[in-house]
Amino acid sequence: GFTGRLRATGRLIADQYAMARRVGFDEVQIAPDIAARQPAQQWLARADWKDWDHRARLAG
């Protein structure tokens, strides 16, 4: 019945974003130093978590 937003915090990197979304997080809060190293396009490339399938990439 929870209807709020679920935010992941901590030392997340762009590669973990899709998996965080897949397991139910609505958003992530990233540290400023990580944001400086990983520009927005790296995060946006992983934003469509339904299309990101690491198992298919390994098998392909």
Protein backbone atom coordinates (compact mmCIF):
# COMPACT_ATOMS: atom_id res chain seq x y z
CA GLY A 1 0.00 0.00 0.00
CA PHE A 2 2.99 2.35 -0.01
CA THR A 3 2.32 5.16 -2.48
CA GLY A 4 5.36 7.38 -1.94
CA ARG A 5 8.62 7.53 -3.85
CA LEU A 6 11.43 5.15 -2.99
CA ARG A 7 14.91 6.72 -3.31
CA ALA A 8 18.22 4.86 -3.32
CA THR A 9 21.09 6.77 -1.75
CA GLY A 10 24.74 6.01 -1.27
CA ARG A 11 27.66 5.43 -3.58
CA LEU A 12 25.63 4.32 -6.60
CA ILE A 13 27.17 4.42 -10.06
CA ALA A 14 25.41 4.64 -13.41
CA ASP A 15 25.80 0.90 -14.05
CA GLN A 16 23.70 0.17 -10.96
CA TYR A 17 20.87 2.52 -11.94
CA ALA A 18 18.91 0.10 -14.11
CA MET A 19 19.04 -2.61 -11.45
CA ALA A 20 17.93 -0.17 -8.75
CA ARG A 21 14.93 0.75 -10.92
CA ARG A 22 14.24 -2.90 -11.68
CA VAL A 23 13.96 -3.82 -8.00
CA GLY A 24 11.56 -0.98 -7.24
CA PHE A 25 13.44 2.26 -6.62
CA ASP A 26 11.84 5.29 -8.24
CA GLU A 27 14.93 7.47 -8.13
CA VAL A 28 18.53 7.61 -7.01
CA GLN A 29 20.45 10.29 -5.19
CA ILE A 30 24.05 10.43 -6.33
CA ALA A 31 27.05 12.04 -4.69
CA PRO A 32 28.46 15.19 -6.33
CA ASP A 33 31.83 13.55 -7.09
CA ILE A 34 30.13 10.66 -8.89
CA ALA A 35 27.93 13.09 -10.82
CA ALA A 36 31.07 14.91 -11.94
CA ARG A 37 32.66 11.65 -13.19
CA GLN A 38 29.53 10.21 -14.79
CA PRO A 39 27.63 12.75 -16.88
CA ALA A 40 23.86 12.67 -17.29
CA GLN A 41 24.00 10.79 -20.60
CA GLN A 42 25.52 7.77 -18.84
CA TRP A 43 22.59 7.70 -16.42
CA LEU A 44 20.01 8.34 -19.13
CA ALA A 45 21.40 5.46 -21.19
CA ARG A 46 20.34 3.17 -18.34
CA ALA A 47 17.07 4.90 -17.51
CA ASP A 48 14.86 2.48 -19.44
CA TRP A 49 15.30 -0.36 -16.99
CA LYS A 50 12.80 -2.60 -18.75
CA ASP A 51 15.00 -2.74 -21.84
CA TRP A 52 18.26 -3.28 -19.93
CA ASP A 53 18.89 -6.99 -19.61
CA HIS A 54 22.40 -7.89 -18.49
CA ARG A 55 21.80 -11.61 -19.02
CA ALA A 56 20.97 -11.11 -22.69
CA ARG A 57 24.16 -9.10 -23.11
CA LEU A 58 26.21 -11.93 -21.64
CA ALA A 59 24.57 -14.56 -23.81
CA GLY A 60 24.74 -12.46 -27.01
